N, C-alpha and C. Protein backbone atom coordinates (compact mmCIF):
# COMPACT_ATOMS: atom_id res chain seq x y z
N UNK A 1 97.11 109.64 106.41
CA UNK A 1 98.20 109.35 107.34
C UNK A 1 98.60 107.88 107.23
N UNK A 2 99.91 107.62 107.31
CA UNK A 2 100.40 106.26 107.22
C UNK A 2 100.36 105.55 108.56
N UNK A 3 101.00 104.40 108.62
CA UNK A 3 101.02 103.60 109.84
C UNK A 3 102.45 103.18 110.17
N UNK A 4 102.69 102.95 111.45
CA UNK A 4 103.94 102.36 111.93
C UNK A 4 103.62 100.95 112.40
N UNK A 5 104.34 99.97 111.85
CA UNK A 5 104.12 98.57 112.15
C UNK A 5 105.38 97.99 112.79
N UNK A 6 105.27 97.46 114.00
CA UNK A 6 106.40 96.82 114.67
C UNK A 6 106.32 95.32 114.49
N UNK A 7 107.34 94.72 113.90
CA UNK A 7 107.42 93.28 113.71
C UNK A 7 108.31 92.68 114.79
N UNK A 8 107.78 91.74 115.54
CA UNK A 8 108.55 91.07 116.58
C UNK A 8 108.53 89.58 116.33
N UNK A 9 109.70 88.98 116.12
CA UNK A 9 109.83 87.53 116.06
C UNK A 9 109.99 87.06 117.51
N UNK A 10 109.00 86.31 118.01
CA UNK A 10 108.90 86.09 119.44
C UNK A 10 108.65 84.62 119.77
N UNK A 11 109.24 84.16 120.87
CA UNK A 11 109.01 82.79 121.36
C UNK A 11 107.73 82.74 122.18
N UNK A 12 107.30 81.54 122.50
CA UNK A 12 106.09 81.39 123.31
C UNK A 12 106.23 82.03 124.69
N UNK A 13 107.45 82.11 125.22
CA UNK A 13 107.63 82.77 126.51
C UNK A 13 108.07 84.22 126.37
N UNK A 14 107.82 84.80 125.19
CA UNK A 14 107.94 86.24 125.01
C UNK A 14 109.31 86.79 124.69
N UNK A 15 110.28 85.94 124.35
CA UNK A 15 111.63 86.39 124.06
C UNK A 15 111.75 86.79 122.59
N UNK A 16 112.32 87.97 122.34
CA UNK A 16 112.54 88.42 120.96
C UNK A 16 114.03 88.60 120.64
N UNK A 17 114.88 88.26 121.55
CA UNK A 17 116.31 88.52 121.39
C UNK A 17 116.95 87.59 120.36
N UNK A 18 117.76 88.15 119.48
CA UNK A 18 118.65 87.42 118.57
C UNK A 18 118.01 86.25 117.84
N UNK A 19 116.90 86.46 117.14
CA UNK A 19 116.32 85.34 116.40
C UNK A 19 117.16 84.90 115.21
N UNK A 20 117.97 85.83 114.65
CA UNK A 20 118.58 85.58 113.35
C UNK A 20 119.94 84.92 113.34
N UNK A 21 120.66 84.90 114.48
CA UNK A 21 122.00 84.33 114.45
C UNK A 21 122.64 84.28 115.82
N UNK A 22 123.65 83.42 115.96
CA UNK A 22 124.28 83.20 117.26
C UNK A 22 124.95 84.45 117.81
N UNK A 23 125.50 85.28 116.93
CA UNK A 23 126.23 86.46 117.38
C UNK A 23 125.42 87.74 117.23
N UNK A 24 124.16 87.62 116.90
CA UNK A 24 123.34 88.80 116.63
C UNK A 24 123.24 89.72 117.83
N UNK A 25 122.93 89.17 118.99
CA UNK A 25 122.81 89.96 120.21
C UNK A 25 123.07 89.04 121.41
N UNK A 26 124.34 88.90 121.81
CA UNK A 26 124.66 87.99 122.92
C UNK A 26 124.54 88.63 124.30
N UNK A 27 123.93 89.81 124.38
CA UNK A 27 123.82 90.51 125.66
C UNK A 27 123.19 89.62 126.72
N UNK A 28 123.73 89.74 127.96
CA UNK A 28 123.21 88.94 129.06
C UNK A 28 123.57 87.47 128.96
N UNK A 29 124.66 87.17 128.26
CA UNK A 29 125.10 85.79 128.04
C UNK A 29 123.99 84.94 127.42
N UNK A 30 123.26 85.54 126.48
CA UNK A 30 122.17 84.85 125.81
C UNK A 30 122.72 83.67 125.02
N UNK A 31 122.16 82.48 125.27
CA UNK A 31 122.74 81.25 124.72
C UNK A 31 122.03 80.71 123.50
N UNK A 32 120.98 81.39 123.02
CA UNK A 32 120.14 80.78 122.00
C UNK A 32 120.02 81.62 120.73
N UNK A 33 121.02 82.44 120.44
CA UNK A 33 120.98 83.22 119.21
C UNK A 33 120.82 82.33 117.99
N UNK A 34 119.89 82.71 117.10
CA UNK A 34 119.61 81.90 115.92
C UNK A 34 118.49 80.90 116.12
N UNK A 35 117.61 81.16 117.10
CA UNK A 35 116.55 80.19 117.41
C UNK A 35 115.43 80.15 116.36
N UNK A 36 115.33 81.18 115.52
CA UNK A 36 114.19 81.28 114.60
C UNK A 36 114.27 80.32 113.41
N UNK A 37 115.44 80.15 112.83
CA UNK A 37 115.56 79.39 111.58
C UNK A 37 115.04 77.96 111.67
N UNK A 38 115.31 77.21 112.74
CA UNK A 38 114.83 75.82 112.77
C UNK A 38 113.31 75.68 112.80
N UNK A 39 112.60 76.72 113.19
CA UNK A 39 111.13 76.66 113.24
C UNK A 39 110.49 77.56 112.19
N UNK A 40 111.28 77.91 111.16
CA UNK A 40 110.78 78.69 110.04
C UNK A 40 110.50 77.77 108.86
N UNK A 41 109.74 78.25 107.91
CA UNK A 41 109.42 77.47 106.72
C UNK A 41 109.21 78.43 105.55
N UNK A 42 109.01 77.88 104.38
CA UNK A 42 108.89 78.71 103.18
C UNK A 42 107.69 79.65 103.24
N UNK A 43 106.58 79.19 103.82
CA UNK A 43 105.37 80.03 103.86
C UNK A 43 105.55 81.23 104.76
N UNK A 44 106.09 81.02 105.95
CA UNK A 44 106.31 82.16 106.85
C UNK A 44 107.37 83.09 106.27
N UNK A 45 108.40 82.52 105.66
CA UNK A 45 109.44 83.34 105.04
C UNK A 45 108.89 84.21 103.94
N UNK A 46 107.96 83.67 103.15
CA UNK A 46 107.35 84.44 102.07
C UNK A 46 106.52 85.59 102.61
N UNK A 47 105.81 85.37 103.72
CA UNK A 47 105.00 86.44 104.30
C UNK A 47 105.88 87.53 104.93
N UNK A 48 106.99 87.13 105.54
CA UNK A 48 107.92 88.12 106.08
C UNK A 48 108.51 88.95 104.95
N UNK A 49 108.89 88.30 103.86
CA UNK A 49 109.44 89.02 102.71
C UNK A 49 108.41 89.96 102.12
N UNK A 50 107.13 89.55 102.10
CA UNK A 50 106.08 90.40 101.56
C UNK A 50 105.89 91.65 102.43
N UNK A 51 105.99 91.48 103.75
CA UNK A 51 105.88 92.63 104.65
C UNK A 51 107.02 93.61 104.41
N UNK A 52 108.22 93.09 104.24
CA UNK A 52 109.37 93.95 103.97
C UNK A 52 109.20 94.68 102.64
N UNK A 53 108.65 93.98 101.66
CA UNK A 53 108.46 94.58 100.34
C UNK A 53 107.47 95.74 100.38
N UNK A 54 106.53 95.74 101.35
CA UNK A 54 105.53 96.80 101.44
C UNK A 54 106.06 98.07 102.07
N UNK A 55 107.18 97.99 102.76
CA UNK A 55 107.62 99.14 103.56
C UNK A 55 108.05 100.31 102.69
N UNK A 56 107.74 101.51 103.17
CA UNK A 56 108.20 102.74 102.55
C UNK A 56 109.37 103.34 103.31
N UNK A 57 109.52 102.94 104.59
CA UNK A 57 110.63 103.42 105.42
C UNK A 57 110.86 102.41 106.52
N UNK A 58 112.09 102.39 107.03
CA UNK A 58 112.49 101.48 108.11
C UNK A 58 112.83 102.30 109.34
N UNK A 59 112.23 101.93 110.48
CA UNK A 59 112.47 102.60 111.75
C UNK A 59 113.05 101.60 112.73
N UNK A 60 114.16 101.98 113.40
CA UNK A 60 114.83 101.07 114.31
C UNK A 60 115.29 101.80 115.57
N UNK A 61 115.38 101.05 116.66
CA UNK A 61 116.08 101.54 117.84
C UNK A 61 117.57 101.42 117.63
N UNK A 62 118.33 102.04 118.51
CA UNK A 62 119.78 102.12 118.30
C UNK A 62 120.45 100.75 118.27
N UNK A 63 120.13 99.86 119.20
CA UNK A 63 120.81 98.57 119.25
C UNK A 63 120.50 97.74 118.00
N UNK A 64 119.22 97.69 117.61
CA UNK A 64 118.87 96.93 116.41
C UNK A 64 119.45 97.58 115.17
N UNK A 65 119.50 98.91 115.15
CA UNK A 65 120.13 99.59 114.02
C UNK A 65 121.57 99.16 113.84
N UNK A 66 122.32 99.09 114.94
CA UNK A 66 123.73 98.68 114.84
C UNK A 66 123.85 97.27 114.27
N UNK A 67 122.93 96.38 114.67
CA UNK A 67 122.95 95.01 114.15
C UNK A 67 122.67 95.01 112.65
N UNK A 68 121.61 95.72 112.24
CA UNK A 68 121.24 95.78 110.83
C UNK A 68 122.33 96.45 109.99
N UNK A 69 122.89 97.55 110.52
CA UNK A 69 123.86 98.32 109.75
C UNK A 69 125.17 97.58 109.55
N UNK A 70 125.45 96.59 110.40
CA UNK A 70 126.67 95.82 110.23
C UNK A 70 126.50 94.67 109.23
N UNK A 71 125.25 94.38 108.88
CA UNK A 71 124.97 93.22 108.03
C UNK A 71 124.36 93.58 106.67
N UNK A 72 123.25 94.31 106.68
CA UNK A 72 122.47 94.47 105.47
C UNK A 72 123.12 95.31 104.37
N UNK A 73 123.97 96.28 104.65
CA UNK A 73 124.61 97.00 103.54
C UNK A 73 125.47 96.10 102.65
N UNK A 74 125.83 94.92 103.14
CA UNK A 74 126.67 94.00 102.38
C UNK A 74 125.86 92.88 101.72
N UNK A 75 124.52 93.00 101.77
CA UNK A 75 123.66 91.97 101.21
C UNK A 75 122.92 92.50 99.98
N UNK A 76 122.52 91.56 99.11
CA UNK A 76 121.74 91.91 97.94
C UNK A 76 120.44 91.10 97.98
N UNK A 77 119.88 90.79 96.83
CA UNK A 77 118.62 90.06 96.81
C UNK A 77 117.46 90.99 97.13
N UNK A 78 116.25 90.43 97.15
CA UNK A 78 115.06 91.26 97.33
C UNK A 78 115.04 91.96 98.68
N UNK A 79 115.29 91.22 99.77
CA UNK A 79 115.22 91.83 101.09
C UNK A 79 116.35 92.84 101.28
N UNK A 80 117.57 92.45 100.95
CA UNK A 80 118.68 93.37 101.07
C UNK A 80 118.49 94.60 100.21
N UNK A 81 117.97 94.41 98.99
CA UNK A 81 117.74 95.54 98.10
C UNK A 81 116.74 96.53 98.67
N UNK A 82 115.66 96.00 99.27
CA UNK A 82 114.65 96.87 99.86
C UNK A 82 115.21 97.63 101.06
N UNK A 83 115.87 96.92 101.97
CA UNK A 83 116.38 97.57 103.17
C UNK A 83 117.44 98.62 102.85
N UNK A 84 118.22 98.38 101.83
CA UNK A 84 119.24 99.36 101.46
C UNK A 84 118.66 100.54 100.69
N UNK A 85 117.51 100.33 100.04
CA UNK A 85 116.91 101.38 99.22
C UNK A 85 116.05 102.36 100.01
N UNK A 86 115.25 101.86 100.94
CA UNK A 86 114.27 102.72 101.60
C UNK A 86 114.95 103.68 102.58
N UNK A 87 114.32 104.81 102.88
CA UNK A 87 114.84 105.69 103.93
C UNK A 87 114.83 104.97 105.27
N UNK A 88 115.87 105.20 106.04
CA UNK A 88 116.01 104.55 107.35
C UNK A 88 116.08 105.60 108.45
N UNK A 89 115.45 105.30 109.57
CA UNK A 89 115.42 106.22 110.70
C UNK A 89 115.80 105.45 111.95
N UNK A 90 116.67 106.05 112.75
CA UNK A 90 117.10 105.43 114.00
C UNK A 90 116.88 106.43 115.12
N UNK A 91 116.25 105.97 116.19
CA UNK A 91 116.03 106.82 117.35
C UNK A 91 117.22 106.70 118.28
N UNK A 92 117.92 107.80 118.47
CA UNK A 92 119.14 107.77 119.30
C UNK A 92 119.46 109.17 119.79
N UNK A 93 119.95 109.22 121.03
CA UNK A 93 120.40 110.49 121.56
C UNK A 93 121.90 110.66 121.48
N UNK A 94 122.60 109.67 120.93
CA UNK A 94 124.06 109.73 120.93
C UNK A 94 124.69 109.50 119.55
N UNK A 95 123.98 108.88 118.63
CA UNK A 95 124.55 108.58 117.32
C UNK A 95 124.63 109.85 116.49
N UNK A 96 125.84 110.19 116.03
CA UNK A 96 126.03 111.43 115.29
C UNK A 96 126.18 111.19 113.79
N UNK A 97 126.91 110.14 113.42
CA UNK A 97 127.21 109.89 112.02
C UNK A 97 126.87 108.45 111.65
N UNK A 98 125.61 108.19 111.35
CA UNK A 98 125.23 106.81 110.99
C UNK A 98 125.91 106.38 109.71
N UNK A 99 126.43 105.15 109.72
CA UNK A 99 127.22 104.68 108.59
C UNK A 99 126.40 104.08 107.46
N UNK A 100 125.16 103.70 107.73
CA UNK A 100 124.33 103.06 106.71
C UNK A 100 123.72 104.14 105.83
N UNK A 101 124.01 104.11 104.56
CA UNK A 101 123.55 105.15 103.64
C UNK A 101 122.03 105.26 103.69
N UNK A 102 121.54 106.49 103.71
CA UNK A 102 120.11 106.74 103.72
C UNK A 102 119.51 106.78 105.11
N UNK A 103 120.35 106.89 106.15
CA UNK A 103 119.87 106.89 107.54
C UNK A 103 119.78 108.30 108.08
N UNK A 104 118.67 108.57 108.79
CA UNK A 104 118.47 109.83 109.50
C UNK A 104 118.28 109.52 110.98
N UNK A 105 118.96 110.26 111.84
CA UNK A 105 118.81 110.10 113.27
C UNK A 105 117.69 111.01 113.76
N UNK A 106 116.76 110.44 114.55
CA UNK A 106 115.69 111.23 115.14
C UNK A 106 115.75 111.07 116.65
N UNK A 107 115.21 112.05 117.40
CA UNK A 107 115.52 112.07 118.84
C UNK A 107 114.66 111.20 119.74
N UNK A 108 113.40 110.95 119.38
CA UNK A 108 112.53 110.28 120.35
C UNK A 108 111.31 109.68 119.66
N UNK A 109 110.45 109.05 120.48
CA UNK A 109 109.26 108.38 119.95
C UNK A 109 108.28 109.35 119.32
N UNK A 110 108.18 110.55 119.88
CA UNK A 110 107.25 111.53 119.31
C UNK A 110 107.67 111.91 117.90
N UNK A 111 108.96 112.13 117.68
CA UNK A 111 109.45 112.44 116.34
C UNK A 111 109.25 111.25 115.41
N UNK A 112 109.42 110.04 115.93
CA UNK A 112 109.18 108.85 115.11
C UNK A 112 107.72 108.80 114.66
N UNK A 113 106.80 109.17 115.53
CA UNK A 113 105.39 109.16 115.19
C UNK A 113 105.07 110.07 114.02
N UNK A 114 105.84 111.13 113.86
CA UNK A 114 105.58 112.06 112.76
C UNK A 114 105.97 111.50 111.39
N UNK A 115 106.68 110.37 111.38
CA UNK A 115 107.01 109.74 110.09
C UNK A 115 105.75 109.31 109.35
N UNK A 116 104.65 109.11 110.08
CA UNK A 116 103.39 108.72 109.44
C UNK A 116 102.86 109.80 108.51
N UNK A 117 103.33 111.04 108.69
CA UNK A 117 102.92 112.12 107.79
C UNK A 117 103.60 112.02 106.43
N UNK A 118 104.70 111.28 106.37
CA UNK A 118 105.52 111.24 105.14
C UNK A 118 105.49 109.90 104.42
N UNK A 119 105.10 108.83 105.12
CA UNK A 119 105.17 107.49 104.53
C UNK A 119 103.87 106.73 104.77
N UNK A 120 103.53 105.85 103.83
CA UNK A 120 102.33 105.03 103.99
C UNK A 120 102.54 103.91 105.01
N UNK A 121 103.71 103.25 104.96
CA UNK A 121 103.94 102.13 105.87
C UNK A 121 105.39 102.13 106.35
N UNK A 122 105.55 102.46 107.61
CA UNK A 122 106.86 102.45 108.26
C UNK A 122 106.97 101.13 109.01
N UNK A 123 107.98 100.34 108.68
CA UNK A 123 108.16 99.02 109.31
C UNK A 123 109.29 99.08 110.34
N UNK A 124 109.10 98.31 111.41
CA UNK A 124 110.14 98.14 112.43
C UNK A 124 110.41 96.66 112.60
N UNK A 125 111.61 96.35 113.06
CA UNK A 125 111.97 94.98 113.42
C UNK A 125 112.75 95.03 114.73
N UNK A 126 112.48 94.05 115.60
CA UNK A 126 113.17 94.07 116.89
C UNK A 126 112.88 95.37 117.63
N UNK A 127 113.95 95.99 118.15
CA UNK A 127 113.83 97.34 118.74
C UNK A 127 112.82 97.39 119.88
N UNK A 128 112.90 96.42 120.79
CA UNK A 128 111.91 96.31 121.84
C UNK A 128 111.78 97.55 122.70
N UNK A 129 112.89 98.18 123.05
CA UNK A 129 112.84 99.39 123.88
C UNK A 129 112.08 100.49 123.15
N UNK A 130 112.36 100.65 121.86
CA UNK A 130 111.66 101.66 121.08
C UNK A 130 110.18 101.32 120.91
N UNK A 131 109.87 100.05 120.70
CA UNK A 131 108.47 99.64 120.58
C UNK A 131 107.70 100.04 121.84
N UNK A 132 108.26 99.78 123.01
CA UNK A 132 107.59 100.17 124.26
C UNK A 132 107.42 101.69 124.35
N UNK A 133 108.42 102.44 123.89
CA UNK A 133 108.32 103.90 123.91
C UNK A 133 107.24 104.40 122.97
N UNK A 134 107.14 103.79 121.79
CA UNK A 134 106.09 104.18 120.84
C UNK A 134 104.71 103.86 121.39
N UNK A 135 104.58 102.70 122.04
CA UNK A 135 103.30 102.34 122.64
C UNK A 135 102.93 103.33 123.75
N UNK A 136 103.89 103.69 124.57
CA UNK A 136 103.62 104.64 125.65
C UNK A 136 103.23 106.01 125.11
N UNK A 137 103.80 106.39 123.95
CA UNK A 137 103.50 107.68 123.33
C UNK A 137 102.24 107.64 122.48
N UNK A 138 101.67 106.44 122.29
CA UNK A 138 100.45 106.31 121.50
C UNK A 138 100.65 106.48 120.02
N UNK A 139 101.84 106.14 119.51
CA UNK A 139 102.10 106.34 118.08
C UNK A 139 102.46 105.04 117.36
N UNK A 140 102.28 103.89 118.02
CA UNK A 140 102.46 102.61 117.33
C UNK A 140 101.10 102.15 116.84
N UNK A 141 100.96 101.96 115.53
CA UNK A 141 99.66 101.64 114.95
C UNK A 141 99.37 100.15 114.93
N UNK A 142 100.39 99.33 114.67
CA UNK A 142 100.18 97.89 114.61
C UNK A 142 101.36 97.16 115.25
N UNK A 143 101.02 96.10 115.97
CA UNK A 143 102.04 95.22 116.55
C UNK A 143 101.88 93.87 115.87
N UNK A 144 102.87 93.50 115.05
CA UNK A 144 102.82 92.24 114.30
C UNK A 144 103.74 91.25 115.00
N UNK A 145 103.13 90.32 115.72
CA UNK A 145 103.88 89.31 116.46
C UNK A 145 103.94 88.04 115.62
N UNK A 146 105.16 87.64 115.29
CA UNK A 146 105.40 86.35 114.64
C UNK A 146 105.78 85.39 115.76
N UNK A 147 104.83 84.57 116.21
CA UNK A 147 104.99 83.75 117.40
C UNK A 147 105.46 82.35 117.01
N UNK A 148 106.58 81.91 117.59
CA UNK A 148 107.19 80.64 117.22
C UNK A 148 107.10 79.62 118.36
N UNK A 149 106.97 78.32 118.03
CA UNK A 149 106.79 77.28 119.04
C UNK A 149 108.10 76.90 119.73
N UNK A 150 108.65 77.84 120.47
CA UNK A 150 109.92 77.67 121.18
C UNK A 150 109.79 78.36 122.54
N UNK A 151 110.35 77.78 123.58
CA UNK A 151 110.52 78.48 124.85
C UNK A 151 112.00 78.45 125.21
N UNK A 152 112.49 79.56 125.75
CA UNK A 152 113.93 79.69 126.01
C UNK A 152 114.26 79.91 127.48
N UNK A 153 113.37 80.53 128.22
CA UNK A 153 113.64 80.73 129.65
C UNK A 153 114.62 81.83 129.96
N UNK A 154 115.13 82.52 128.95
CA UNK A 154 116.03 83.64 129.16
C UNK A 154 115.96 84.55 127.95
N UNK A 155 116.44 85.77 128.10
CA UNK A 155 116.49 86.69 126.98
C UNK A 155 115.57 87.89 127.16
N UNK A 156 115.67 88.82 126.23
CA UNK A 156 114.90 90.06 126.30
C UNK A 156 113.45 89.79 125.93
N UNK A 157 112.56 90.36 126.72
CA UNK A 157 111.13 90.20 126.49
C UNK A 157 110.50 91.57 126.23
N UNK A 158 109.54 91.60 125.30
CA UNK A 158 108.89 92.86 124.98
C UNK A 158 108.05 93.35 126.14
N UNK A 159 107.20 92.49 126.68
CA UNK A 159 106.28 92.91 127.73
C UNK A 159 106.90 92.59 129.08
N UNK A 160 107.77 93.47 129.52
CA UNK A 160 108.49 93.30 130.77
C UNK A 160 107.97 94.33 131.77
N UNK A 161 108.65 94.47 132.88
CA UNK A 161 108.24 95.46 133.88
C UNK A 161 108.16 96.84 133.24
N UNK A 162 107.13 97.58 133.56
CA UNK A 162 106.95 98.91 133.00
C UNK A 162 106.06 98.96 131.77
N UNK A 163 105.57 97.81 131.32
CA UNK A 163 104.68 97.78 130.17
C UNK A 163 103.40 98.57 130.49
N UNK A 164 102.98 99.41 129.55
CA UNK A 164 101.76 100.19 129.72
C UNK A 164 100.56 99.26 129.55
N UNK A 165 99.65 99.18 130.52
CA UNK A 165 98.47 98.33 130.37
C UNK A 165 97.63 98.78 129.17
N UNK A 166 97.20 97.84 128.35
CA UNK A 166 96.44 98.18 127.15
C UNK A 166 95.68 96.96 126.67
N UNK A 167 94.67 97.19 125.85
CA UNK A 167 93.91 96.13 125.20
C UNK A 167 94.13 96.23 123.70
N UNK A 168 94.18 95.08 123.03
CA UNK A 168 94.41 95.06 121.59
C UNK A 168 93.33 94.25 120.90
N UNK A 169 93.16 94.51 119.61
CA UNK A 169 92.23 93.72 118.79
C UNK A 169 92.98 93.24 117.55
N UNK A 170 92.58 92.10 117.04
CA UNK A 170 93.19 91.59 115.81
C UNK A 170 92.84 92.50 114.64
N UNK A 171 93.85 92.94 113.91
CA UNK A 171 93.64 93.79 112.74
C UNK A 171 93.55 92.97 111.46
N UNK A 172 94.04 91.73 111.51
CA UNK A 172 93.98 90.81 110.38
C UNK A 172 93.70 89.41 110.93
N UNK A 173 93.15 88.52 110.12
CA UNK A 173 92.97 87.14 110.60
C UNK A 173 94.32 86.52 110.95
N UNK A 174 94.34 85.76 112.04
CA UNK A 174 95.56 85.04 112.41
C UNK A 174 95.91 84.03 111.32
N UNK A 175 97.22 83.82 111.14
CA UNK A 175 97.66 82.84 110.15
C UNK A 175 98.68 81.90 110.77
N UNK A 176 98.52 80.61 110.54
CA UNK A 176 99.46 79.63 111.05
C UNK A 176 100.29 79.06 109.91
N UNK A 177 101.46 78.50 110.28
CA UNK A 177 102.41 78.01 109.28
C UNK A 177 102.78 76.56 109.57
N UNK A 178 103.34 75.88 108.58
CA UNK A 178 103.56 74.42 108.71
C UNK A 178 104.38 73.99 109.91
N UNK A 179 105.38 74.78 110.33
CA UNK A 179 106.21 74.38 111.46
C UNK A 179 105.71 74.91 112.80
N UNK A 180 104.48 75.46 112.80
CA UNK A 180 103.87 75.84 114.07
C UNK A 180 103.89 77.30 114.42
N UNK A 181 104.54 78.14 113.62
CA UNK A 181 104.53 79.58 113.88
C UNK A 181 103.14 80.15 113.59
N UNK A 182 102.83 81.28 114.23
CA UNK A 182 101.56 81.96 114.03
C UNK A 182 101.82 83.45 113.83
N UNK A 183 101.14 84.04 112.86
CA UNK A 183 101.23 85.48 112.61
C UNK A 183 100.02 86.15 113.23
N UNK A 184 100.26 87.13 114.11
CA UNK A 184 99.20 87.84 114.82
C UNK A 184 99.42 89.34 114.67
N UNK A 185 98.47 90.03 114.05
CA UNK A 185 98.58 91.47 113.83
C UNK A 185 97.54 92.18 114.69
N UNK A 186 98.02 93.01 115.62
CA UNK A 186 97.15 93.67 116.57
C UNK A 186 97.17 95.19 116.39
N UNK A 187 96.03 95.80 116.72
CA UNK A 187 95.91 97.25 116.84
C UNK A 187 95.50 97.59 118.27
N UNK A 188 95.88 98.77 118.71
CA UNK A 188 95.50 99.24 120.04
C UNK A 188 93.98 99.40 120.11
N UNK A 189 93.39 98.92 121.19
CA UNK A 189 91.93 98.97 121.32
C UNK A 189 91.47 99.71 122.58
N UNK A 190 92.39 100.30 123.33
CA UNK A 190 91.98 101.09 124.48
C UNK A 190 92.56 100.57 125.78
N UNK A 191 92.08 101.14 126.86
CA UNK A 191 92.56 100.79 128.19
C UNK A 191 92.04 99.42 128.60
N UNK A 192 92.68 98.86 129.61
CA UNK A 192 92.25 97.56 130.14
C UNK A 192 90.99 97.74 130.97
N UNK A 193 89.99 96.91 130.72
CA UNK A 193 88.76 96.89 131.51
C UNK A 193 88.70 95.58 132.28
N UNK A 194 88.08 95.62 133.44
CA UNK A 194 87.94 94.40 134.25
C UNK A 194 86.47 94.17 134.58
N UNK A 195 86.10 92.92 134.72
CA UNK A 195 84.76 92.55 135.15
C UNK A 195 84.78 91.10 135.62
N UNK A 196 83.77 90.73 136.36
CA UNK A 196 83.67 89.36 136.84
C UNK A 196 83.18 88.44 135.73
N UNK A 197 83.73 87.23 135.67
CA UNK A 197 83.24 86.24 134.74
C UNK A 197 81.88 85.73 135.23
N UNK A 198 80.89 85.70 134.34
CA UNK A 198 79.55 85.25 134.70
C UNK A 198 79.35 83.86 134.12
N UNK A 199 79.01 82.87 134.95
CA UNK A 199 78.80 81.52 134.42
C UNK A 199 77.67 81.52 133.38
N UNK A 200 77.85 80.75 132.35
CA UNK A 200 76.80 80.63 131.35
C UNK A 200 75.75 79.63 131.82
N UNK A 201 74.54 79.86 131.38
CA UNK A 201 73.45 78.96 131.77
C UNK A 201 73.63 77.59 131.13
N UNK A 202 73.28 76.52 131.83
CA UNK A 202 73.42 75.16 131.25
C UNK A 202 72.46 74.97 130.09
């Protein structure tokens, strides 16, 4: 069985909205579109490109799909070539005729989870609403947070009201980059447990 990996480019205060450009997602009068590039560097870019190169299929929520479908079909190069080549899946209850070649519409998180039967590595980007749905359905295998040294004070956050309580473990060693970003790959580790902190002996 394959895995589903959600990639989130995220600020220190948990915002994942519009990292790539000013007009990417201006919902809610978001004023900081394009915040990722100034704190990116060649090393982090190479690792992001390597993750994209590993994908066998691309899974997106409807809003992120619309953003990708308006941009990537007109791009070339290694990343554009991969995204245009691999099978694409969008979770939507209303999209009837997706315009991006190679796209299949699927109805919900449970159907998305079944993609693991057909592909070794299904990659996601953005798609916070879908990521939360996959986590709630227990079909998200890895959460790859690319954490950047920026705080914005506004914007869409992954872990907002309604987040399912859960514990995670690092699936890979953390990696830091020259401009301060950190790559953190987590796997689900079970329910949240609580206990009292016990002072250590002197």
